[in-house]
Protein backbone atom coordinates (compact mmCIF):
# COMPACT_ATOMS: atom_id res chain seq x y z
CA MET A 1 32.35 57.70 -6.23
CA THR A 2 31.51 54.84 -3.87
CA TYR A 3 28.59 55.11 -1.48
CA ILE A 4 28.87 52.92 1.62
CA PHE A 5 25.71 52.00 3.53
CA ASP A 6 24.91 49.67 6.42
CA GLY A 7 23.08 47.04 4.34
CA SER A 8 19.63 47.89 5.73
CA PHE A 9 16.58 48.82 3.67
CA GLU A 10 16.51 52.20 5.41
CA GLY A 11 20.17 52.71 4.56
CA LEU A 12 19.54 51.93 0.89
CA LEU A 13 16.75 54.51 0.73
CA CYS A 14 18.99 57.07 2.43
CA ALA A 15 21.69 56.43 -0.18
CA ILE A 16 19.15 57.35 -2.85
CA PHE A 17 18.20 60.51 -0.89
CA ASP A 18 21.86 61.54 -0.53
CA TRP A 19 22.50 61.05 -4.24
CA PHE A 20 19.79 63.56 -5.12
CA GLU A 21 20.99 65.96 -2.45
CA ARG A 22 24.66 65.82 -3.47
CA LYS A 23 24.38 64.97 -7.22
CA PRO A 24 27.85 63.35 -7.39
CA GLY A 25 27.37 61.72 -10.81
CA GLY A 26 27.93 57.99 -11.19
CA VAL A 27 27.87 56.03 -7.92
CA LEU A 28 28.97 52.53 -6.96
CA LEU A 29 26.94 51.29 -3.98
CA LYS A 30 28.62 49.01 -1.41
CA THR A 31 27.71 47.68 2.02
CA LYS A 32 30.09 48.13 4.95
CA GLN A 33 30.69 44.37 4.89
CA THR A 34 31.76 44.25 1.24
CA TYR A 35 33.55 47.58 0.84
CA GLN A 36 37.28 47.46 0.13
CA PRO A 37 39.13 50.81 0.24
CA GLU A 38 40.61 51.99 -3.07
CA ALA A 39 43.42 54.53 -3.38
CA PHE A 40 41.95 56.59 -6.22
CA ASN A 41 38.24 56.24 -5.58
CA GLU A 42 36.42 58.74 -3.37
CA CYS A 43 33.95 57.26 -0.88
CA PHE A 44 30.98 58.63 1.02
CA SER A 45 29.43 57.07 4.13
CA VAL A 46 25.64 56.99 4.13
CA TYR A 47 24.01 57.40 7.54
CA SER A 48 20.56 55.92 8.06
CA ASP A 49 17.87 58.46 8.83
CA GLN A 50 14.25 57.37 9.16
CA LYS A 51 12.81 60.64 7.89
CA LYS A 52 14.98 60.59 4.76
CA ALA A 53 14.10 56.95 4.12
CA GLU A 54 10.38 57.65 4.50
CA ARG A 55 10.54 60.52 2.01
CA VAL A 56 12.17 58.31 -0.61
CA TRP A 57 9.77 55.42 0.04
CA LYS A 58 6.71 57.66 -0.23
CA GLY A 59 8.12 59.07 -3.46
CA LEU A 60 8.49 55.58 -4.90
CA GLU A 61 4.96 54.65 -3.81
CA LYS A 62 3.62 57.66 -5.72
CA ARG A 63 5.47 56.73 -8.90
CA LEU A 64 5.22 52.94 -8.88
CA THR A 65 2.34 50.47 -8.82
CA LYS A 66 1.91 48.11 -5.87
CA ASP A 67 3.38 45.28 -7.96
CA TRP A 68 6.56 47.25 -8.59
CA ILE A 69 6.79 48.35 -4.97
CA ARG A 70 6.71 44.66 -4.02
CA ARG A 71 9.33 43.83 -6.65
CA PHE A 72 11.55 46.55 -5.21
CA TYR A 73 11.24 45.12 -1.69
CA CYS A 74 11.64 41.50 -2.83
CA THR A 75 14.82 42.40 -4.69
CA PHE A 76 16.23 43.93 -1.52
CA LEU A 77 15.47 40.68 0.35
CA SER A 78 17.71 38.81 -2.11
CA GLU A 79 20.71 40.19 -0.14
CA ASP A 80 22.64 40.27 -3.41
CA ALA A 81 25.30 42.97 -3.84
CA ALA A 82 24.49 43.45 -7.52
CA ALA A 83 20.80 43.72 -6.62
CA TYR A 84 21.53 46.58 -4.21
CA GLN A 85 23.24 48.46 -7.03
CA SER A 86 20.31 47.74 -9.35
CA LEU A 87 17.82 49.06 -6.77
CA PHE A 88 19.82 52.24 -6.28
CA SER A 89 20.17 52.90 -10.01
CA PHE A 90 16.55 51.91 -10.65
CA ALA A 91 15.26 54.42 -8.09
CA CYS A 92 17.42 57.20 -9.53
CA TYR A 93 16.11 56.29 -12.99
CA ILE A 94 12.47 56.34 -11.83
CA PHE A 95 12.80 59.73 -10.13
CA THR A 96 14.52 61.35 -13.12
CA HIS A 97 12.15 60.07 -15.83
CA PRO A 98 8.43 60.52 -16.58
CA PRO A 99 5.84 58.22 -14.96
CA GLY A 100 5.73 54.73 -16.45
CA ALA A 101 9.51 54.43 -16.83
CA GLU A 102 9.38 51.08 -14.96
CA ALA A 103 7.75 49.55 -18.05
CA ASN A 104 10.95 50.06 -20.05
CA TYR A 105 12.50 46.60 -19.89
CA GLY A 106 15.24 47.82 -22.17
CA ASN A 107 16.68 49.51 -19.11
CA PRO A 108 19.12 47.07 -17.45
CA TYR A 109 18.04 47.99 -13.92
CA VAL A 110 14.34 47.53 -14.65
CA LEU A 111 15.09 44.10 -16.11
CA ALA A 112 17.44 43.11 -13.27
CA ILE A 113 14.85 43.94 -10.60
CA ALA A 114 12.07 42.10 -12.42
CA GLN A 115 14.24 38.99 -12.74
CA MET A 116 15.57 39.02 -9.16
CA ALA A 117 12.13 39.66 -7.65
CA LYS A 118 10.83 36.63 -9.56
CA LYS A 119 13.55 34.44 -8.00
CA VAL A 120 12.74 35.69 -4.49
CA GLU A 121 9.01 35.12 -5.01
CA ARG A 122 9.72 31.57 -6.21
CA GLU A 123 11.73 30.87 -3.07
CA LYS A 124 8.90 32.29 -0.96
CA HIS A 125 6.32 30.02 -2.62
CA ARG A 126 8.56 26.99 -2.15
CA MET A 127 8.99 27.74 1.53
CA GLU A 128 5.22 27.96 1.89
CA ALA A 129 4.84 24.59 0.18
CA PHE A 130 7.67 22.67 1.80
CA ILE A 131 7.85 23.92 5.40
CA ARG A 132 6.88 21.18 7.89
CA PHE A 133 6.34 22.03 11.54
CA GLN A 134 7.23 19.74 14.42
CA HIS A 135 5.16 19.76 17.59
CA ALA A 136 7.21 20.40 20.73
CA ALA A 137 6.44 19.40 24.29
CA ASP A 138 5.67 23.03 25.18
CA GLY A 139 2.80 23.04 22.67
CA ILE A 140 4.53 25.27 20.12
CA PHE A 141 5.12 24.17 16.54
CA TYR A 142 8.70 24.69 15.36
CA CYS A 143 10.45 24.82 12.02
CA ALA A 144 14.05 25.80 11.17
CA ILE A 145 14.79 26.99 7.63
CA ASP A 146 17.80 28.32 5.70
CA PRO A 147 16.43 29.74 2.42
CA ASP A 148 18.62 31.18 -0.32
CA PHE A 149 17.01 34.58 0.18
CA ASN A 150 15.68 36.43 3.22
CA VAL A 151 12.05 35.47 2.55
CA LEU A 152 10.92 35.28 6.17
CA PRO A 153 9.16 38.70 6.05
CA LEU A 154 7.19 37.48 3.02
CA LEU A 155 5.98 34.35 4.84
CA LEU A 156 4.36 36.17 7.75
CA PHE A 157 0.81 36.63 6.43
CA HIS A 158 0.57 33.19 4.83
CA PHE A 159 1.38 31.27 8.02
CA LYS A 160 -0.46 33.65 10.32
CA ASN A 161 -3.65 33.12 8.32
CA ARG A 162 -3.18 29.40 7.69
CA TYR A 163 -2.19 28.45 11.24
CA ALA A 164 -4.13 31.05 13.20
CA ASP A 165 -5.20 28.58 15.90
CA GLN A 166 -1.75 27.39 16.99
CA GLN A 167 1.48 28.93 18.26
CA TRP A 168 4.46 28.55 15.96
CA ILE A 169 8.03 29.63 15.39
CA ILE A 170 9.71 29.74 11.98
CA TYR A 171 13.41 30.35 12.48
CA ASP A 172 15.98 31.24 9.82
CA ILE A 173 19.15 29.60 11.09
CA LYS A 174 21.25 31.16 8.32
CA ARG A 175 20.27 34.73 9.30
CA HIS A 176 19.79 34.03 13.02
CA TYR A 177 16.29 35.37 13.51
CA GLY A 178 12.75 34.09 13.34
CA LEU A 179 9.03 34.79 13.63
CA HIS A 180 6.96 33.77 16.63
CA TYR A 181 3.16 33.72 16.47
CA ASN A 182 1.48 33.72 19.91
CA LEU A 183 -2.15 33.40 18.69
CA ASN A 184 -2.49 37.19 18.59
CA THR A 185 0.53 38.84 17.05
CA VAL A 186 3.71 37.89 15.19
CA GLU A 187 6.98 39.02 16.75
CA GLU A 188 10.55 38.85 15.53
CA VAL A 189 12.74 36.72 17.81
CA GLN A 190 16.43 35.93 18.12
CA LEU A 191 17.70 32.84 19.92
CA ALA A 192 20.98 32.12 21.63
CA PRO A 193 23.34 29.85 19.65
CA GLU A 194 22.60 26.91 21.99
CA SER A 195 18.87 27.26 21.41
CA GLU A 196 19.38 27.49 17.65
CA LYS A 197 21.15 24.12 17.67
CA LEU A 198 18.24 22.54 19.55
CA LEU A 199 15.77 24.05 17.11
CA GLN A 200 17.45 22.36 14.14
CA LYS A 201 16.39 18.97 15.54
CA PRO A 202 13.36 19.67 17.73
CA ALA A 203 12.04 16.12 17.40
CA GLN A 204 15.10 14.86 19.31
CA HIS A 205 15.45 17.61 21.91
CA LEU A 206 12.13 19.44 22.22
CA GLY A 207 9.62 17.15 20.56
CA ASP A 208 6.30 15.99 21.85
CA LYS A 209 6.18 12.23 22.54
CA LYS A 210 3.68 11.74 19.72
CA GLU A 211 5.70 13.67 17.13
CA SER A 212 7.80 10.68 16.06
CA LEU A 213 4.67 8.54 15.75
CA TYR A 214 2.97 11.12 13.55
CA ALA A 215 6.08 11.28 11.36
CA ILE A 216 6.13 7.49 10.96
CA LEU A 217 2.43 7.43 10.09
CA TRP A 218 2.91 10.13 7.49
CA LYS A 219 5.85 8.32 5.92
CA ASP A 220 3.85 5.08 5.79
CA TYR A 221 0.96 6.92 4.14
CA PHE A 222 3.33 8.46 1.62
CA LYS A 223 4.76 5.04 0.75
CA SER A 224 1.34 3.43 0.43
CA THR A 225 0.08 6.08 -2.00
CA ASN A 226 3.25 6.06 -4.08
CA ILE A 227 2.94 4.20 -7.42
CA THR A 228 6.37 2.71 -8.17
CA ALA A 229 5.57 2.01 -11.83
CA ARG A 230 4.94 5.70 -12.41
CA LYS A 231 8.08 6.90 -10.67
CA ASN A 232 9.72 9.77 -12.56
CA THR A 233 12.70 11.00 -10.55
CA ARG A 234 13.71 13.69 -13.02
CA LEU A 235 10.24 15.29 -13.01
CA HIS A 236 10.01 14.92 -9.23
CA VAL A 237 13.32 16.71 -8.65
CA ARG A 238 12.26 19.47 -11.03
CA HIS A 239 9.19 20.21 -8.93
CA VAL A 240 10.77 19.42 -5.55
CA PRO A 241 14.52 20.25 -5.72
CA LYS A 242 16.72 18.16 -3.47
CA ARG A 243 17.77 21.15 -1.35
CA TYR A 244 14.20 21.27 0.00
CA TRP A 245 14.02 17.58 0.94
CA LYS A 246 15.41 18.30 4.41
CA TYR A 247 12.13 20.08 5.24
CA LEU A 248 9.92 17.16 4.20
CA THR A 249 9.03 14.46 6.69
CA GLU A 250 8.60 11.88 3.93
CA LYS A 251 12.19 12.55 2.76
CA THR A 252 13.94 12.38 6.14
CA PHE A 253 14.80 9.47 8.37
CA ILE A 254 12.91 9.42 11.64
CA SER A 255 14.64 7.45 14.34
CA HIS A 256 12.43 5.38 16.62
C-alpha cells in the first residue's frame, strides 16, 4: 500500500500514527508532489492532524535520546524522498522494538538516518562558516543562500546568538523563505519574486554606500595575507568546495 502525505513534518508523523491505527502491513511513503498513480497498488491519503503528530513526536522523545531526535529532524530537512521512507520505517521499527533499538546499525533505516543526518549537519556547519552578510542602506544585513538541504531552521540559534546586536535576514532563494531577526525575535518571512531578485545582489540594488569599499578592503587584506608559494588548490577546494565560493567576498568580483 502507498501512503500519500503533504510533505510536511506534521504529515510524516501522522503517516506513522495512521500506520499503527490501520496496520496495513508494508507501506510505501510518497509525497503528493512525487506520487504517481498505479493501477494495482492501493493508496491511502494521510491528513495532517496536530494532535496525532504531537502524540507520535512525544512517543519518539520518550524512546530516543536527544541526539537521535535531532538526527530524525535533520533527516527530514534533507527533503529526500528516500529519507522520508527511512524516517517512516525507522519510527515503526522503534515503536515495535524494545528501548535501545536505535543502536542497531545493522538495521538499514537506522543506518540511513545516521548517514543522512550527518550530511545535513555538515551542510549546516558550512553555511555557518561561509555565509557573508551585506549591509543595506536600511541598516539591515542581508544574505541569500541556496543550500542543498533545508538547513535554515538549524541556523537560527547560531546567528541569533552571534549577531544579537544587528538586524539581519537570511533568505533561502531555492525554497523561497527566510529568517528575519529584529533585535528581539526571529520570524519566518516570504518575499515577493521581485524582492527575491533584488536580495540576490543587495550590494547593487540595496547596498549601503560603504559596502563596496568594505568588500574591496577585505579582498585586499585576503590577498596580502595569502602566501603564493604555499598555495595548495586541491586542499583548499577540499575544505572550501567551489559551490560555496559565491558566498565569500574574497572569491567574488566586486564592481567599483
